[in-house]
Each structure stands twice: as structure tokens, then as C-alpha cells.
Amino acid sequence: MVHMPLFKAAVKKITPLIPEMIEITDHHVIYKKRKKYFLGYDTTAIPISKIHSIEINANVTSTELIIQSVDYDIIKARHFELEDTLKIKQLIESQL
């Protein structure tokens, strides 16, 4: 299995010790979001073959990446740098 880069959320004030992360492997997009009480992560994994749309909403204060799939959860990732969200989208689309 080939691992692509691991992307971490940019907002250190919100999650300094446990940042949100997105990892793209050769078969999955894996999103890790800190649990409500800062103890570990909730993980969502979506097979790349099941992704049907990737949307980026960016403004002056924040960036949101929305990955929608067929029969799986929706990933809504916030606080990533715009450059990282564009790269994530490009990496996923290159595997579709």
C-alpha cells in the first residue's frame, strides 16, 4: 500500500495537540477528527472508488473541504490551508 502525504489542520489554537488530519492512501481517504473531550480521534474512511464529489468552500477566515460518497459518510474538514485542500482534491481526483 502506497501512502500519500498526511495533511494536518492549520489552526493550532483550536487543536494544538490533536489536530484534525486527512490521509490519502491508494484506496481510501481517511479523516481523523479529535473527539469531543480531546481523548483520541473519531475516524472516517471512504473508499476512493465511492467518492462522487469534492467541494472546496473558501473565504477569508476559513476553508472547508467536503467529500461526498455513495453509501458512506460525508467528510467535512475545516481549518486546513487552502493550498492543502487544493492538493487533497487533486490527489483524490487523480485516483478516480
PDB file of N, CA and C in Angstrom:
ATOM      1  N   MET A   1       0.843  -1.176   0.000  1.00  0.00           N
ATOM      2  CA  MET A   1       0.000   0.000   0.000  1.00  0.00           C
ATOM      3  C   MET A   1       0.887   1.237   0.000  1.00  0.00           C
ATOM      4  N   VAL A   2       0.635   2.148  -0.917  1.00  0.00           N
ATOM      5  CA  VAL A   2       1.397   3.382  -1.008  1.00  0.00           C
ATOM      6  C   VAL A   2       0.662   4.463  -0.238  1.00  0.00           C
ATOM      7  N   HIS A   3       1.371   5.114   0.685  1.00  0.00           N
ATOM      8  CA  HIS A   3       0.756   6.193   1.453  1.00  0.00           C
ATOM      9  C   HIS A   3       1.110   7.532   0.851  1.00  0.00           C
ATOM     10  N   MET A   4       0.119   8.358   0.680  1.00  0.00           N
ATOM     11  CA  MET A   4       0.304   9.721   0.208  1.00  0.00           C
ATOM     12  C   MET A   4       0.579  10.599   1.425  1.00  0.00           C
ATOM     13  N   PRO A   5       0.791  11.871   1.211  1.00  0.00           N
ATOM     14  CA  PRO A   5       1.066  12.775   2.333  1.00  0.00           C
ATOM     15  C   PRO A   5      -0.079  12.803   3.350  1.00  0.00           C
ATOM     16  N   LEU A   6       0.290  13.116   4.565  1.00  0.00           N
ATOM     17  CA  LEU A   6      -0.663  13.300   5.649  1.00  0.00           C
ATOM     18  C   LEU A   6      -0.839  14.799   5.817  1.00  0.00           C
ATOM     19  N   PHE A   7      -2.069  15.278   5.750  1.00  0.00           N
ATOM     20  CA  PHE A   7      -2.358  16.698   5.875  1.00  0.00           C
ATOM     21  C   PHE A   7      -2.936  16.972   7.246  1.00  0.00           C
ATOM     22  N   LYS A   8      -2.418  18.005   7.922  1.00  0.00           N
ATOM     23  CA  LYS A   8      -2.889  18.367   9.260  1.00  0.00           C
ATOM     24  C   LYS A   8      -3.545  19.739   9.217  1.00  0.00           C
ATOM     25  N   ALA A   9      -4.563  19.912  10.062  1.00  0.00           N
ATOM     26  CA  ALA A   9      -5.261  21.191  10.146  1.00  0.00           C
ATOM     27  C   ALA A   9      -4.283  22.284  10.545  1.00  0.00           C
ATOM     28  N   ALA A  10      -4.527  23.472  10.044  1.00  0.00           N
ATOM     29  CA  ALA A  10      -3.601  24.579  10.242  1.00  0.00           C
ATOM     30  C   ALA A  10      -3.873  25.382  11.503  1.00  0.00           C
ATOM     31  N   VAL A  11      -5.038  25.276  12.077  1.00  0.00           N
ATOM     32  CA  VAL A  11      -5.405  26.118  13.204  1.00  0.00           C
ATOM     33  C   VAL A  11      -4.890  25.500  14.503  1.00  0.00           C
ATOM     34  N   LYS A  12      -3.777  25.973  14.964  1.00  0.00           N
ATOM     35  CA  LYS A  12      -3.146  25.421  16.167  1.00  0.00           C
ATOM     36  C   LYS A  12      -3.854  25.855  17.442  1.00  0.00           C
ATOM     37  N   LYS A  13      -4.552  26.979  17.427  1.00  0.00           N
ATOM     38  CA  LYS A  13      -5.238  27.452  18.633  1.00  0.00           C
ATOM     39  C   LYS A  13      -6.391  26.537  19.017  1.00  0.00           C
ATOM     40  N   ILE A  14      -7.031  25.943  18.021  1.00  0.00           N
ATOM     41  CA  ILE A  14      -8.191  25.090  18.294  1.00  0.00           C
ATOM     42  C   ILE A  14      -7.755  23.690  18.715  1.00  0.00           C
ATOM     43  N   THR A  15      -6.811  23.129  18.022  1.00  0.00           N
ATOM     44  CA  THR A  15      -6.386  21.753  18.284  1.00  0.00           C
ATOM     45  C   THR A  15      -4.859  21.672  18.316  1.00  0.00           C
ATOM     46  N   PRO A  16      -4.213  22.278  19.309  1.00  0.00           N
ATOM     47  CA  PRO A  16      -2.750  22.315  19.302  1.00  0.00           C
ATOM     48  C   PRO A  16      -2.092  20.950  19.468  1.00  0.00           C
ATOM     49  N   LEU A  17      -2.681  20.064  20.228  1.00  0.00           N
ATOM     50  CA  LEU A  17      -2.073  18.761  20.489  1.00  0.00           C
ATOM     51  C   LEU A  17      -2.641  17.653  19.618  1.00  0.00           C
ATOM     52  N   ILE A  18      -3.874  17.808  19.202  1.00  0.00           N
ATOM     53  CA  ILE A  18      -4.538  16.766  18.421  1.00  0.00           C
ATOM     54  C   ILE A  18      -5.194  17.419  17.204  1.00  0.00           C
ATOM     55  N   PRO A  19      -4.414  17.756  16.178  1.00  0.00           N
ATOM     56  CA  PRO A  19      -5.014  18.405  15.007  1.00  0.00           C
ATOM     57  C   PRO A  19      -5.828  17.416  14.180  1.00  0.00           C
ATOM     58  N   GLU A  20      -6.803  17.946  13.461  1.00  0.00           N
ATOM     59  CA  GLU A  20      -7.533  17.118  12.510  1.00  0.00           C
ATOM     60  C   GLU A  20      -6.575  16.749  11.394  1.00  0.00           C
ATOM     61  N   MET A  21      -6.778  15.563  10.784  1.00  0.00           N
ATOM     62  CA  MET A  21      -5.868  15.086   9.756  1.00  0.00           C
ATOM     63  C   MET A  21      -6.634  14.404   8.625  1.00  0.00           C
ATOM     64  N   ILE A  22      -6.058  14.496   7.430  1.00  0.00           N
ATOM     65  CA  ILE A  22      -6.559  13.762   6.272  1.00  0.00           C
ATOM     66  C   ILE A  22      -5.379  13.013   5.682  1.00  0.00           C
ATOM     67  N   GLU A  23      -5.577  11.702   5.492  1.00  0.00           N
ATOM     68  CA  GLU A  23      -4.566  10.873   4.849  1.00  0.00           C
ATOM     69  C   GLU A  23      -5.192  10.242   3.615  1.00  0.00           C
ATOM     70  N   ILE A  24      -4.432  10.236   2.532  1.00  0.00           N
ATOM     71  CA  ILE A  24      -4.910   9.631   1.294  1.00  0.00           C
ATOM     72  C   ILE A  24      -4.006   8.446   0.987  1.00  0.00           C
ATOM     73  N   THR A  25      -4.614   7.268   0.927  1.00  0.00           N
ATOM     74  CA  THR A  25      -3.859   6.073   0.566  1.00  0.00           C
ATOM     75  C   THR A  25      -4.212   5.716  -0.876  1.00  0.00           C
ATOM     76  N   ASP A  26      -3.732   4.600  -1.342  1.00  0.00           N
ATOM     77  CA  ASP A  26      -4.062   4.210  -2.708  1.00  0.00           C
ATOM     78  C   ASP A  26      -5.515   3.776  -2.871  1.00  0.00           C
ATOM     79  N   HIS A  27      -6.238   3.540  -1.762  1.00  0.00           N
ATOM     80  CA  HIS A  27      -7.632   3.091  -1.865  1.00  0.00           C
ATOM     81  C   HIS A  27      -8.628   3.896  -1.030  1.00  0.00           C
ATOM     82  N   HIS A  28      -8.165   4.675  -0.055  1.00  0.00           N
ATOM     83  CA  HIS A  28      -9.075   5.362   0.865  1.00  0.00           C
ATOM     84  C   HIS A  28      -8.653   6.809   1.133  1.00  0.00           C
ATOM     85  N   VAL A  29      -9.671   7.595   1.516  1.00  0.00           N
ATOM     86  CA  VAL A  29      -9.437   8.891   2.138  1.00  0.00           C
ATOM     87  C   VAL A  29      -9.801   8.685   3.603  1.00  0.00           C
ATOM     88  N   ILE A  30      -8.865   8.979   4.490  1.00  0.00           N
ATOM     89  CA  ILE A  30      -9.068   8.766   5.918  1.00  0.00           C
ATOM     90  C   ILE A  30      -9.040  10.124   6.614  1.00  0.00           C
ATOM     91  N   TYR A  31     -10.123  10.426   7.322  1.00  0.00           N
ATOM     92  CA  TYR A  31     -10.251  11.698   8.036  1.00  0.00           C
ATOM     93  C   TYR A  31     -10.276  11.408   9.530  1.00  0.00           C
ATOM     94  N   LYS A  32      -9.402  12.069  10.261  1.00  0.00           N
ATOM     95  CA  LYS A  32      -9.346  11.907  11.715  1.00  0.00           C
ATOM     96  C   LYS A  32      -9.652  13.239  12.364  1.00  0.00           C
ATOM     97  N   LYS A  33     -10.689  13.230  13.193  1.00  0.00           N
ATOM     98  CA  LYS A  33     -11.119  14.430  13.909  1.00  0.00           C
ATOM     99  C   LYS A  33     -11.065  14.137  15.396  1.00  0.00           C
ATOM    100  N   ARG A  34     -10.548  15.088  16.153  1.00  0.00           N
ATOM    101  CA  ARG A  34     -10.427  14.849  17.596  1.00  0.00           C
ATOM    102  C   ARG A  34     -11.807  14.629  18.209  1.00  0.00           C
ATOM    103  N   LYS A  35     -11.825  13.768  19.212  1.00  0.00           N
ATOM    104  CA  LYS A  35     -13.076  13.514  19.909  1.00  0.00           C
ATOM    105  C   LYS A  35     -13.463  14.732  20.742  1.00  0.00           C
ATOM    106  N   LYS A  36     -14.684  14.779  21.146  1.00  0.00           N
ATOM    107  CA  LYS A  36     -15.228  15.930  21.849  1.00  0.00           C
ATOM    108  C   LYS A  36     -14.407  16.323  23.073  1.00  0.00           C
ATOM    109  N   TYR A  37     -13.918  15.361  23.817  1.00  0.00           N
ATOM    110  CA  TYR A  37     -13.198  15.666  25.052  1.00  0.00           C
ATOM    111  C   TYR A  37     -11.693  15.487  24.895  1.00  0.00           C
ATOM    112  N   PHE A  38     -11.193  15.643  23.657  1.00  0.00           N
ATOM    113  CA  PHE A  38      -9.762  15.654  23.356  1.00  0.00           C
ATOM    114  C   PHE A  38      -9.044  14.333  23.576  1.00  0.00           C
ATOM    115  N   LEU A  39      -9.760  13.243  23.773  1.00  0.00           N
ATOM    116  CA  LEU A  39      -9.121  11.950  24.012  1.00  0.00           C
ATOM    117  C   LEU A  39      -9.211  11.094  22.753  1.00  0.00           C
ATOM    118  N   GLY A  40      -8.234  11.199  21.905  1.00  0.00           N
ATOM    119  CA  GLY A  40      -8.193  10.379  20.709  1.00  0.00           C
ATOM    120  C   GLY A  40      -8.953  10.984  19.544  1.00  0.00           C
ATOM    121  N   TYR A  41      -9.186  10.134  18.546  1.00  0.00           N
ATOM    122  CA  TYR A  41      -9.789  10.566  17.292  1.00  0.00           C
ATOM    123  C   TYR A  41     -11.031   9.755  16.949  1.00  0.00           C
ATOM    124  N   ASP A  42     -11.948  10.413  16.241  1.00  0.00           N
ATOM    125  CA  ASP A  42     -13.004   9.723  15.514  1.00  0.00           C
ATOM    126  C   ASP A  42     -12.501   9.640  14.083  1.00  0.00           C
ATOM    127  N   THR A  43     -12.585   8.464  13.482  1.00  0.00           N
ATOM    128  CA  THR A  43     -12.020   8.250  12.153  1.00  0.00           C
ATOM    129  C   THR A  43     -13.114   7.897  11.157  1.00  0.00           C
ATOM    130  N   THR A  44     -13.054   8.538   9.999  1.00  0.00           N
ATOM    131  CA  THR A  44     -13.945   8.230   8.887  1.00  0.00           C
ATOM    132  C   THR A  44     -13.071   7.828   7.706  1.00  0.00           C
ATOM    133  N   ALA A  45     -13.335   6.676   7.117  1.00  0.00           N
ATOM    134  CA  ALA A  45     -12.589   6.217   5.944  1.00  0.00           C
ATOM    135  C   ALA A  45     -13.572   5.985   4.810  1.00  0.00           C
ATOM    136  N   ILE A  46     -13.274   6.590   3.675  1.00  0.00           N
ATOM    137  CA  ILE A  46     -14.127   6.441   2.497  1.00  0.00           C
ATOM    138  C   ILE A  46     -13.282   5.859   1.369  1.00  0.00           C
ATOM    139  N   PRO A  47     -13.745   4.776   0.761  1.00  0.00           N
ATOM    140  CA  PRO A  47     -13.028   4.252  -0.408  1.00  0.00           C
ATOM    141  C   PRO A  47     -13.038   5.287  -1.538  1.00  0.00           C
ATOM    142  N   ILE A  48     -11.916   5.495  -2.161  1.00  0.00           N
ATOM    143  CA  ILE A  48     -11.822   6.480  -3.238  1.00  0.00           C
ATOM    144  C   ILE A  48     -12.787   6.133  -4.366  1.00  0.00           C
ATOM    145  N   SER A  49     -12.993   4.858  -4.615  1.00  0.00           N
ATOM    146  CA  SER A  49     -13.903   4.445  -5.693  1.00  0.00           C
ATOM    147  C   SER A  49     -15.357   4.843  -5.427  1.00  0.00           C
ATOM    148  N   LYS A  50     -15.698   5.168  -4.187  1.00  0.00           N
ATOM    149  CA  LYS A  50     -17.068   5.538  -3.829  1.00  0.00           C
ATOM    150  C   LYS A  50     -17.287   7.051  -3.745  1.00  0.00           C
ATOM    151  N   ILE A  51     -16.246   7.844  -3.970  1.00  0.00           N
ATOM    152  CA  ILE A  51     -16.370   9.300  -3.889  1.00  0.00           C
ATOM    153  C   ILE A  51     -17.037   9.812  -5.158  1.00  0.00           C
ATOM    154  N   HIS A  52     -18.079  10.652  -4.976  1.00  0.00           N
ATOM    155  CA  HIS A  52     -18.745  11.194  -6.154  1.00  0.00           C
ATOM    156  C   HIS A  52     -18.622  12.706  -6.264  1.00  0.00           C
ATOM    157  N   SER A  53     -18.187  13.402  -5.200  1.00  0.00           N
ATOM    158  CA  SER A  53     -17.947  14.843  -5.345  1.00  0.00           C
ATOM    159  C   SER A  53     -16.994  15.343  -4.269  1.00  0.00           C
ATOM    160  N   ILE A  54     -16.225  16.356  -4.664  1.00  0.00           N
ATOM    161  CA  ILE A  54     -15.291  17.022  -3.762  1.00  0.00           C
ATOM    162  C   ILE A  54     -15.512  18.514  -3.954  1.00  0.00           C
ATOM    163  N   GLU A  55     -15.787  19.203  -2.870  1.00  0.00           N
ATOM    164  CA  GLU A  55     -16.100  20.626  -2.945  1.00  0.00           C
ATOM    165  C   GLU A  55     -15.216  21.391  -1.967  1.00  0.00           C
ATOM    166  N   ILE A  56     -14.752  22.549  -2.389  1.00  0.00           N
ATOM    167  CA  ILE A  56     -13.968  23.413  -1.509  1.00  0.00           C
ATOM    168  C   ILE A  56     -14.716  24.724  -1.370  1.00  0.00           C
ATOM    169  N   ASN A  57     -14.980  25.118  -0.130  1.00  0.00           N
ATOM    170  CA  ASN A  57     -15.573  26.416   0.168  1.00  0.00           C
ATOM    171  C   ASN A  57     -14.519  27.212   0.934  1.00  0.00           C
ATOM    172  N   ALA A  58     -14.056  28.294   0.347  1.00  0.00           N
ATOM    173  CA  ALA A  58     -13.009  29.088   0.984  1.00  0.00           C
ATOM    174  C   ALA A  58     -13.436  30.540   1.072  1.00  0.00           C
ATOM    175  N   ASN A  59     -13.095  31.147   2.215  1.00  0.00           N
ATOM    176  CA  ASN A  59     -13.285  32.589   2.366  1.00  0.00           C
ATOM    177  C   ASN A  59     -12.085  33.140   3.138  1.00  0.00           C
ATOM    178  N   VAL A  60     -12.151  34.347   3.558  1.00  0.00           N
ATOM    179  CA  VAL A  60     -11.022  34.998   4.199  1.00  0.00           C
ATOM    180  C   VAL A  60     -10.631  34.319   5.514  1.00  0.00           C
ATOM    181  N   THR A  61     -11.591  33.815   6.249  1.00  0.00           N
ATOM    182  CA  THR A  61     -11.301  33.274   7.580  1.00  0.00           C
ATOM    183  C   THR A  61     -11.165  31.762   7.661  1.00  0.00           C
ATOM    184  N   SER A  62     -11.695  31.035   6.680  1.00  0.00           N
ATOM    185  CA  SER A  62     -11.634  29.583   6.805  1.00  0.00           C
ATOM    186  C   SER A  62     -11.747  28.888   5.449  1.00  0.00           C
ATOM    187  N   THR A  63     -11.412  27.608   5.472  1.00  0.00           N
ATOM    188  CA  THR A  63     -11.554  26.751   4.298  1.00  0.00           C
ATOM    189  C   THR A  63     -12.262  25.475   4.736  1.00  0.00           C
ATOM    190  N   GLU A  64     -13.218  25.035   3.945  1.00  0.00           N
ATOM    191  CA  GLU A  64     -13.945  23.802   4.236  1.00  0.00           C
ATOM    192  C   GLU A  64     -13.833  22.887   3.029  1.00  0.00           C
ATOM    193  N   LEU A  65     -13.482  21.632   3.287  1.00  0.00           N
ATOM    194  CA  LEU A  65     -13.393  20.608   2.253  1.00  0.00           C
ATOM    195  C   LEU A  65     -14.515  19.617   2.515  1.00  0.00           C
ATOM    196  N   ILE A  66     -15.362  19.410   1.511  1.00  0.00           N
ATOM    197  CA  ILE A  66     -16.488  18.485   1.644  1.00  0.00           C
ATOM    198  C   ILE A  66     -16.301  17.364   0.630  1.00  0.00           C
ATOM    199  N   ILE A  67     -16.218  16.141   1.143  1.00  0.00           N
ATOM    200  CA  ILE A  67     -16.057  14.957   0.294  1.00  0.00           C
ATOM    201  C   ILE A  67     -17.300  14.099   0.478  1.00  0.00           C
ATOM    202  N   GLN A  68     -18.058  13.921  -0.601  1.00  0.00           N
ATOM    203  CA  GLN A  68     -19.286  13.137  -0.540  1.00  0.00           C
ATOM    204  C   GLN A  68     -19.083  11.822  -1.262  1.00  0.00           C
ATOM    205  N   SER A  69     -19.725  10.800  -0.727  1.00  0.00           N
ATOM    206  CA  SER A  69     -19.559   9.467  -1.293  1.00  0.00           C
ATOM    207  C   SER A  69     -20.904   8.774  -1.448  1.00  0.00           C
ATOM    208  N   VAL A  70     -20.845   7.651  -2.132  1.00  0.00           N
ATOM    209  CA  VAL A  70     -22.009   6.803  -2.291  1.00  0.00           C
ATOM    210  C   VAL A  70     -21.963   5.764  -1.170  1.00  0.00           C
ATOM    211  N   ASP A  71     -23.004   5.684  -0.365  1.00  0.00           N
ATOM    212  CA  ASP A  71     -23.144   4.669   0.689  1.00  0.00           C
ATOM    213  C   ASP A  71     -22.182   4.820   1.865  1.00  0.00           C
ATOM    214  N   TYR A  72     -21.484   5.950   1.982  1.00  0.00           N
ATOM    215  CA  TYR A  72     -20.570   6.172   3.105  1.00  0.00           C
ATOM    216  C   TYR A  72     -20.837   7.550   3.689  1.00  0.00           C
ATOM    217  N   ASP A  73     -20.156   7.861   4.793  1.00  0.00           N
ATOM    218  CA  ASP A  73     -20.300   9.163   5.426  1.00  0.00           C
ATOM    219  C   ASP A  73     -19.791  10.290   4.533  1.00  0.00           C
ATOM    220  N   ILE A  74     -20.152  11.493   4.912  1.00  0.00           N
ATOM    221  CA  ILE A  74     -19.632  12.698   4.280  1.00  0.00           C
ATOM    222  C   ILE A  74     -18.503  13.218   5.164  1.00  0.00           C
ATOM    223  N   ILE A  75     -17.401  13.599   4.552  1.00  0.00           N
ATOM    224  CA  ILE A  75     -16.305  14.222   5.295  1.00  0.00           C
ATOM    225  C   ILE A  75     -16.442  15.730   5.126  1.00  0.00           C
ATOM    226  N   LYS A  76     -16.511  16.445   6.259  1.00  0.00           N
ATOM    227  CA  LYS A  76     -16.492  17.908   6.257  1.00  0.00           C
ATOM    228  C   LYS A  76     -15.291  18.323   7.100  1.00  0.00           C
ATOM    229  N   ALA A  77     -14.222  18.683   6.426  1.00  0.00           N
ATOM    230  CA  ALA A  77     -12.984  19.039   7.102  1.00  0.00           C
ATOM    231  C   ALA A  77     -12.790  20.552   7.046  1.00  0.00           C
ATOM    232  N   ARG A  78     -12.486  21.129   8.186  1.00  0.00           N
ATOM    233  CA  ARG A  78     -12.279  22.572   8.272  1.00  0.00           C
ATOM    234  C   ARG A  78     -10.878  22.853   8.812  1.00  0.00           C
ATOM    235  N   HIS A  79     -10.470  24.083   8.647  1.00  0.00           N
ATOM    236  CA  HIS A  79      -9.215  24.581   9.239  1.00  0.00           C
ATOM    237  C   HIS A  79      -7.955  24.117   8.532  1.00  0.00           C
ATOM    238  N   PHE A  80      -8.072  23.594   7.328  1.00  0.00           N
ATOM    239  CA  PHE A  80      -6.894  23.228   6.558  1.00  0.00           C
ATOM    240  C   PHE A  80      -6.509  24.429   5.682  1.00  0.00           C
ATOM    241  N   GLU A  81      -5.238  24.558   5.388  1.00  0.00           N
ATOM    242  CA  GLU A  81      -4.772  25.620   4.492  1.00  0.00           C
ATOM    243  C   GLU A  81      -5.402  25.413   3.117  1.00  0.00           C
ATOM    244  N   LEU A  82      -5.707  26.500   2.430  1.00  0.00           N
ATOM    245  CA  LEU A  82      -6.308  26.405   1.097  1.00  0.00           C
ATOM    246  C   LEU A  82      -5.401  25.613   0.155  1.00  0.00           C
ATOM    247  N   GLU A  83      -4.113  25.838   0.226  1.00  0.00           N
ATOM    248  CA  GLU A  83      -3.168  25.100  -0.618  1.00  0.00           C
ATOM    249  C   GLU A  83      -3.265  23.595  -0.376  1.00  0.00           C
ATOM    250  N   ASP A  84      -3.401  23.197   0.900  1.00  0.00           N
ATOM    251  CA  ASP A  84      -3.538  21.774   1.228  1.00  0.00           C
ATOM    252  C   ASP A  84      -4.856  21.205   0.712  1.00  0.00           C
ATOM    253  N   THR A  85      -5.957  21.965   0.845  1.00  0.00           N
ATOM    254  CA  THR A  85      -7.242  21.445   0.366  1.00  0.00           C
ATOM    255  C   THR A  85      -7.228  21.271  -1.150  1.00  0.00           C
ATOM    256  N   LEU A  86      -6.578  22.178  -1.853  1.00  0.00           N
ATOM    257  CA  LEU A  86      -6.472  22.032  -3.307  1.00  0.00           C
ATOM    258  C   LEU A  86      -5.639  20.811  -3.672  1.00  0.00           C
ATOM    259  N   LYS A  87      -4.567  20.568  -2.922  1.00  0.00           N
ATOM    260  CA  LYS A  87      -3.723  19.399  -3.190  1.00  0.00           C
ATOM    261  C   LYS A  87      -4.476  18.099  -2.872  1.00  0.00           C
ATOM    262  N   ILE A  88      -5.220  18.088  -1.766  1.00  0.00           N
ATOM    263  CA  ILE A  88      -6.024  16.916  -1.402  1.00  0.00           C
ATOM    264  C   ILE A  88      -7.009  16.600  -2.533  1.00  0.00           C
ATOM    265  N   LYS A  89      -7.710  17.627  -2.997  1.00  0.00           N
ATOM    266  CA  LYS A  89      -8.684  17.434  -4.082  1.00  0.00           C
ATOM    267  C   LYS A  89      -7.992  16.879  -5.325  1.00  0.00           C
ATOM    268  N   GLN A  90      -6.858  17.434  -5.676  1.00  0.00           N
ATOM    269  CA  GLN A  90      -6.119  16.979  -6.851  1.00  0.00           C
ATOM    270  C   GLN A  90      -5.684  15.522  -6.707  1.00  0.00           C
ATOM    271  N   LEU A  91      -5.180  15.150  -5.536  1.00  0.00           N
ATOM    272  CA  LEU A  91      -4.733  13.765  -5.310  1.00  0.00           C
ATOM    273  C   LEU A  91      -5.886  12.764  -5.436  1.00  0.00           C
ATOM    274  N   ILE A  92      -7.027  13.142  -4.860  1.00  0.00           N
ATOM    275  CA  ILE A  92      -8.195  12.245  -4.931  1.00  0.00           C
ATOM    276  C   ILE A  92      -8.684  12.127  -6.366  1.00  0.00           C
ATOM    277  N   GLU A  93      -8.825  13.259  -7.041  1.00  0.00           N
ATOM    278  CA  GLU A  93      -9.329  13.232  -8.420  1.00  0.00           C
ATOM    279  C   GLU A  93      -8.405  12.463  -9.352  1.00  0.00           C
ATOM    280  N   SER A  94      -7.124  12.473  -9.074  1.00  0.00           N
ATOM    281  CA  SER A  94      -6.189  11.735  -9.932  1.00  0.00           C
ATOM    282  C   SER A  94      -6.359  10.225  -9.784  1.00  0.00           C
ATOM    283  N   GLN A  95      -7.029   9.779  -8.705  1.00  0.00           N
ATOM    284  CA  GLN A  95      -7.241   8.352  -8.488  1.00  0.00           C
ATOM    285  C   GLN A  95      -8.641   7.885  -8.853  1.00  0.00           C
ATOM    286  N   LEU A  96      -9.516   8.829  -9.193  1.00  0.00           N
ATOM    287  CA  LEU A  96     -10.900   8.448  -9.548  1.00  0.00           C
ATOM    288  C   LEU A  96     -10.962   7.829 -10.918  1.00  0.00           C
TER     289      LEU A  96
END
